[in-house]
Protein backbone atom coordinates (compact mmCIF):
# COMPACT_ATOMS: atom_id res chain seq x y z
CA MET A 1 50.38 -99.17 162.51
CA THR A 2 50.76 -96.60 159.79
CA GLN A 3 47.81 -94.73 158.43
CA SER A 4 48.28 -96.36 155.03
CA ALA A 5 47.62 -99.76 156.61
CA LEU A 6 44.27 -98.71 158.01
CA PRO A 7 41.21 -99.64 155.98
CA SER A 8 39.68 -96.80 154.05
CA PRO A 9 36.52 -95.49 155.76
CA GLY A 10 34.68 -95.67 152.46
CA LEU A 11 35.32 -99.40 152.11
CA ARG A 12 33.24 -102.13 153.76
CA ALA A 13 34.04 -105.74 154.40
CA PRO A 14 32.83 -107.90 151.51
CA GLN A 15 29.40 -109.33 152.19
CA ARG A 16 27.81 -112.44 150.79
CA PRO A 17 25.13 -111.61 148.18
CA ARG A 18 21.61 -111.81 149.61
CA SER A 19 20.48 -114.21 146.87
CA LEU A 20 23.28 -116.64 147.77
CA ALA A 21 22.54 -116.32 151.49
CA THR A 22 18.85 -116.97 150.85
CA ALA A 23 19.61 -120.05 148.75
CA ARG A 24 21.88 -121.43 151.47
CA THR A 25 19.22 -120.76 154.12
CA ILE A 26 16.53 -122.52 152.10
CA ALA A 27 18.83 -125.49 151.45
CA ALA A 28 19.63 -125.70 155.18
CA LEU A 29 15.93 -125.61 156.06
CA MET A 30 15.22 -128.36 153.52
CA LEU A 31 17.97 -130.54 155.01
CA ARG A 32 16.63 -129.83 158.50
CA GLU A 33 13.13 -130.91 157.48
CA MET A 34 14.45 -134.08 155.86
CA SER A 35 16.41 -135.02 158.99
CA THR A 36 13.58 -134.02 161.35
CA THR A 37 10.69 -135.57 159.46
CA TYR A 38 12.29 -138.49 157.68
CA GLY A 39 15.32 -139.27 159.88
CA ARG A 40 18.99 -138.89 159.10
CA SER A 41 19.23 -141.86 156.72
CA MET A 42 18.07 -142.19 153.14
CA LEU A 43 15.85 -145.09 154.21
CA GLY A 44 13.68 -142.65 156.16
CA TYR A 45 13.15 -140.46 153.11
CA LEU A 46 12.62 -143.52 150.92
CA TRP A 47 9.88 -144.68 153.27
CA ALA A 48 8.29 -141.21 153.09
CA VAL A 49 7.99 -141.74 149.34
CA LEU A 50 6.91 -145.38 149.41
CA GLU A 51 4.29 -144.97 152.15
CA PRO A 52 1.92 -142.75 150.10
CA VAL A 53 2.68 -144.87 147.03
CA ALA A 54 1.53 -148.00 148.88
CA GLY A 55 -1.56 -146.21 150.24
CA ILE A 56 -2.60 -144.84 146.85
CA MET A 57 -2.02 -148.15 145.12
CA LEU A 58 -4.08 -149.98 147.76
CA MET A 59 -6.96 -147.50 147.44
CA THR A 60 -6.72 -147.72 143.66
CA PHE A 61 -7.12 -151.50 143.60
CA ILE A 62 -9.89 -151.48 146.22
CA PHE A 63 -11.96 -148.93 144.30
CA SER A 64 -11.28 -150.76 141.03
CA PHE A 65 -13.43 -153.64 142.29
CA ALA A 66 -16.32 -151.30 143.15
CA PHE A 67 -16.11 -149.26 139.92
CA ARG A 68 -15.19 -151.62 137.13
CA ALA A 69 -16.25 -149.29 134.29
CA PRO A 70 -14.71 -145.80 134.52
CA PRO A 71 -16.53 -142.85 132.90
CA ILE A 72 -13.67 -142.49 130.39
CA GLY A 73 -11.17 -145.08 129.26
CA THR A 74 -11.20 -148.75 130.16
CA ASN A 75 -8.89 -148.91 133.18
CA PHE A 76 -10.28 -147.70 136.50
CA PRO A 77 -6.94 -147.59 138.39
CA LEU A 78 -5.60 -145.09 135.84
CA PHE A 79 -8.83 -143.06 135.97
CA TYR A 80 -8.75 -142.96 139.76
CA ALA A 81 -5.01 -142.18 139.95
CA SER A 82 -5.42 -139.36 137.42
CA GLY A 83 -7.79 -137.71 139.89
CA ILE A 84 -6.47 -138.64 143.33
CA LEU A 85 -2.82 -137.76 142.74
CA PRO A 86 -3.37 -134.09 141.74
CA PHE A 87 -5.89 -133.84 144.59
CA MET A 88 -3.41 -135.20 147.12
CA ALA A 89 -0.65 -132.99 145.72
CA TYR A 90 -2.73 -129.91 146.52
CA MET A 91 -3.79 -131.20 149.93
CA ASP A 92 -0.28 -132.23 150.95
CA ILE A 93 1.44 -129.02 149.82
CA GLY A 94 -1.28 -126.83 151.33
CA GLN A 95 -1.20 -128.62 154.68
CA LYS A 96 2.61 -128.60 154.97
CA ILE A 97 2.93 -124.92 154.09
CA SER A 98 0.11 -123.89 156.44
CA VAL A 99 2.25 -124.98 159.42
CA SER A 100 5.55 -123.59 158.13
CA LEU A 101 5.88 -120.97 160.86
CA ARG A 102 4.94 -123.50 163.52
CA PHE A 103 7.51 -125.97 162.20
CA SER A 104 10.36 -123.41 161.98
CA LYS A 105 9.29 -121.07 164.77
CA SER A 106 12.49 -121.51 166.78
CA LEU A 107 14.57 -120.47 163.76
CA MET A 108 12.62 -117.28 163.09
CA PHE A 109 14.63 -115.49 165.80
CA TYR A 110 17.75 -115.66 163.65
CA PRO A 111 18.10 -112.57 161.43
CA GLY A 112 19.15 -114.66 158.43
CA VAL A 113 15.94 -116.74 158.42
CA THR A 114 12.69 -115.25 157.16
CA PHE A 115 9.17 -116.62 156.98
CA ILE A 116 9.50 -116.69 153.17
CA ASP A 117 12.54 -118.97 153.48
CA ALA A 118 10.51 -121.36 155.66
CA ILE A 119 7.62 -121.42 153.17
CA VAL A 120 9.83 -121.92 150.11
CA ALA A 121 11.83 -124.69 151.79
CA ARG A 122 8.70 -126.65 152.76
CA PHE A 123 7.22 -126.11 149.32
CA LEU A 124 10.28 -127.39 147.47
CA ILE A 125 10.95 -130.49 149.58
CA ASN A 126 7.31 -131.61 149.57
CA ALA A 127 6.75 -130.82 145.89
CA LEU A 128 9.82 -132.84 144.90
CA THR A 129 8.70 -135.70 147.13
CA PHE A 130 5.25 -135.78 145.55
CA VAL A 131 6.69 -135.69 142.03
CA MET A 132 8.53 -138.91 142.85
CA VAL A 133 5.34 -140.40 144.31
CA ALA A 134 3.40 -139.57 141.13
CA VAL A 135 6.08 -141.00 138.84
CA ILE A 136 6.16 -144.27 140.79
CA VAL A 137 2.37 -144.66 141.00
CA TYR A 138 1.71 -143.90 137.33
CA GLY A 139 4.66 -146.04 136.29
CA LEU A 140 3.39 -149.02 138.30
CA ILE A 141 -0.13 -148.70 136.84
CA PHE A 142 1.18 -148.63 133.27
CA LEU A 143 3.54 -151.53 134.02
CA VAL A 144 1.10 -153.78 135.90
CA PHE A 145 -1.82 -153.32 133.50
CA ARG A 146 0.38 -153.05 130.40
CA LEU A 147 -1.39 -149.94 129.22
CA ASN A 148 -0.58 -148.49 125.83
CA ALA A 149 -2.20 -145.10 126.22
CA ILE A 150 -1.15 -141.93 124.42
CA ILE A 151 -0.35 -139.39 127.12
CA ASP A 152 0.27 -135.67 126.85
CA LEU A 153 3.16 -134.94 129.23
CA PRO A 154 2.92 -131.11 129.01
CA ALA A 155 -0.77 -131.31 129.95
CA ILE A 156 0.05 -133.53 132.94
CA PHE A 157 2.89 -131.23 134.03
CA LEU A 158 0.49 -128.27 133.80
CA ALA A 159 -2.04 -130.08 136.00
CA PHE A 160 0.53 -130.68 138.73
CA ALA A 161 1.85 -127.13 138.38
CA MET A 162 -1.71 -125.92 139.00
CA ALA A 163 -2.02 -128.22 142.03
CA PHE A 164 1.29 -127.05 143.49
CA ALA A 165 0.45 -123.39 142.85
CA LEU A 166 -2.96 -123.71 144.53
CA GLY A 167 -1.41 -125.53 147.48
CA LEU A 168 1.20 -122.79 147.80
CA GLY A 169 -1.41 -120.01 147.68
CA ILE A 170 -3.96 -121.55 150.03
CA GLY A 171 -1.21 -122.85 152.32
CA THR A 172 0.42 -119.42 152.62
CA LEU A 173 -2.87 -117.75 153.50
CA ASN A 174 -3.65 -120.50 155.99
CA CYS A 175 -0.17 -120.12 157.45
CA PHE A 176 -1.31 -116.74 158.76
CA LEU A 177 -4.85 -117.80 159.65
CA LEU A 178 -3.86 -120.96 161.53
CA SER A 179 -1.12 -119.12 163.43
CA SER A 180 -3.36 -116.19 164.35
CA TYR A 181 -6.67 -117.97 164.95
CA PRO A 182 -6.26 -121.50 166.41
CA LEU A 183 -9.94 -122.32 165.87
CA TRP A 184 -9.48 -121.85 162.12
CA GLU A 185 -7.54 -125.13 161.93
CA ARG A 186 -10.62 -127.11 163.03
CA ALA A 187 -12.96 -125.01 160.91
CA TRP A 188 -10.78 -125.51 157.82
CA ALA A 189 -10.72 -129.28 158.39
CA VAL A 190 -14.54 -129.31 158.42
CA ILE A 191 -14.82 -127.04 155.36
CA THR A 192 -12.43 -129.10 153.23
CA ARG A 193 -13.76 -132.53 154.20
CA PRO A 194 -16.31 -132.69 151.32
CA LEU A 195 -13.61 -131.87 148.73
CA PHE A 196 -12.87 -135.57 148.25
CA ILE A 197 -16.44 -136.01 146.99
CA VAL A 198 -16.98 -132.78 145.04
CA SER A 199 -13.69 -132.58 143.12
CA CYS A 200 -14.54 -135.06 140.32
CA ILE A 201 -12.21 -137.83 141.49
CA PHE A 202 -14.72 -140.65 140.89
CA TYR A 203 -16.64 -139.04 138.03
CA ILE A 204 -16.18 -136.44 135.33
CA PHE A 205 -17.42 -132.88 135.39
CA ASP A 206 -19.41 -133.29 132.15
CA SER A 207 -21.71 -135.89 133.75
CA ILE A 208 -22.99 -133.50 136.45
CA PRO A 209 -26.41 -131.99 135.66
CA GLU A 210 -27.17 -128.32 135.98
CA PRO A 211 -27.30 -126.29 138.18
CA TYR A 212 -24.78 -128.38 140.17
CA ARG A 213 -22.29 -128.31 137.33
CA GLY A 214 -22.21 -124.54 137.43
CA TRP A 215 -21.60 -124.58 141.17
CA LEU A 216 -18.81 -127.15 140.91
CA TRP A 217 -17.02 -125.05 138.28
CA TRP A 218 -15.92 -122.66 141.03
CA ASN A 219 -13.97 -125.45 142.74
CA PRO A 220 -10.37 -125.03 141.49
CA LEU A 221 -9.65 -128.72 142.08
CA VAL A 222 -12.20 -129.60 139.40
CA HIS A 223 -10.04 -127.74 136.86
CA ILE A 224 -6.83 -129.35 138.13
CA ILE A 225 -8.20 -132.89 137.88
CA GLY A 226 -9.83 -132.13 134.53
CA GLN A 227 -6.48 -130.89 133.21
CA ALA A 228 -4.77 -134.08 134.41
CA ARG A 229 -7.33 -136.23 132.62
CA LYS A 230 -6.82 -134.24 129.43
CA GLY A 231 -3.21 -135.38 129.64
CA PHE A 232 -4.00 -139.06 130.20
CA TYR A 233 -6.94 -139.37 127.81
CA ALA A 234 -6.40 -138.05 124.30
CA THR A 235 -10.13 -138.17 123.54
CA TYR A 236 -11.16 -136.18 126.62
CA ASP A 237 -11.93 -132.57 125.67
CA GLY A 238 -12.24 -130.89 129.07
CA ALA A 239 -13.32 -127.58 127.55
CA TYR A 240 -14.38 -126.29 130.96
CA VAL A 241 -10.82 -126.38 132.33
CA SER A 242 -9.39 -122.92 133.01
CA PRO A 243 -5.74 -122.84 134.15
CA LEU A 244 -6.04 -119.04 134.30
CA TYR A 245 -8.74 -119.32 136.96
CA VAL A 246 -6.65 -121.69 139.10
CA PHE A 247 -3.50 -119.58 138.82
CA THR A 248 -5.50 -116.43 139.61
CA VAL A 249 -6.92 -117.97 142.80
CA SER A 250 -3.42 -119.18 143.67
CA ALA A 251 -1.83 -115.76 143.08
CA VAL A 252 -4.49 -113.85 145.03
CA THR A 253 -4.34 -116.14 148.06
CA PHE A 254 -0.54 -116.25 147.96
CA ALA A 255 -0.26 -112.45 147.78
CA ALA A 256 -2.80 -112.02 150.59
CA GLY A 257 -0.96 -114.52 152.76
CA LEU A 258 2.42 -112.85 152.15
CA LEU A 259 1.06 -109.39 152.96
CA LEU A 260 -0.51 -110.60 156.21
CA LEU A 261 2.57 -112.56 157.24
CA ARG A 262 4.86 -109.64 156.46
CA ARG A 263 2.77 -107.45 158.75
CA TYR A 264 2.17 -109.90 161.60
CA HIS A 265 4.83 -112.65 161.45
CA ARG A 266 6.83 -111.11 164.32
CA ASP A 267 3.73 -111.06 166.52
CA ILE A 268 3.06 -114.70 165.63
CA VAL A 269 6.64 -115.81 166.34
CA ASN A 270 6.86 -113.91 169.63
CA PHE A 271 3.46 -115.14 170.83
């Protein structure tokens, strides 16, 4: 071989851009989760969407018999769904992300897969799934009860963006805590159990007397649910709602979780 045919020492073989490689890795992880969790057929994923829809609708109609007059509006199923769906969006995203390393632990040994890829993949697939759940539930309520309400779609989108952001932040921090301290999983389950009662799902924040109202304000879920109800009820003011507060809590917990995982994720994976 002549010297002219040899590759120049200053040239390197073309490499795939990191952004493209990351996107392909995240897409592969999403497909893996769909096949692992929901099965290899579309029917499995369809059932994953319809199961929470059926559960929420059943709970909605059961509670509608116990609470015939909602605090705002005239339809209790809509009032309940406007609170429970953002709440469940946060809970579902947070729980799924908190076990991201556990779910993809065997793949962390590959150099092309990072803990961030695992978190982003779980976030995207579960957020998209819950968007479909919300669309179906709200659509069924409006169709069955023939509601003619004026809704504010940007306000509703903001509420779910707040729920997803909080789930991402808390879930990322818990991803480190649950992986490093096994007892934290049980402790967190006990700590979060009262959230169903104290997050204004069955009542509105304005009806709570002081000083309890001031204490509840620090619960980010109160702001998320209040923002959702601002979107579904044109007459509901919700002046206490602070998206900035929710996004700040989300950003701080997300940053703390990323810093801790960046420092200790190898120890967690190799444990």
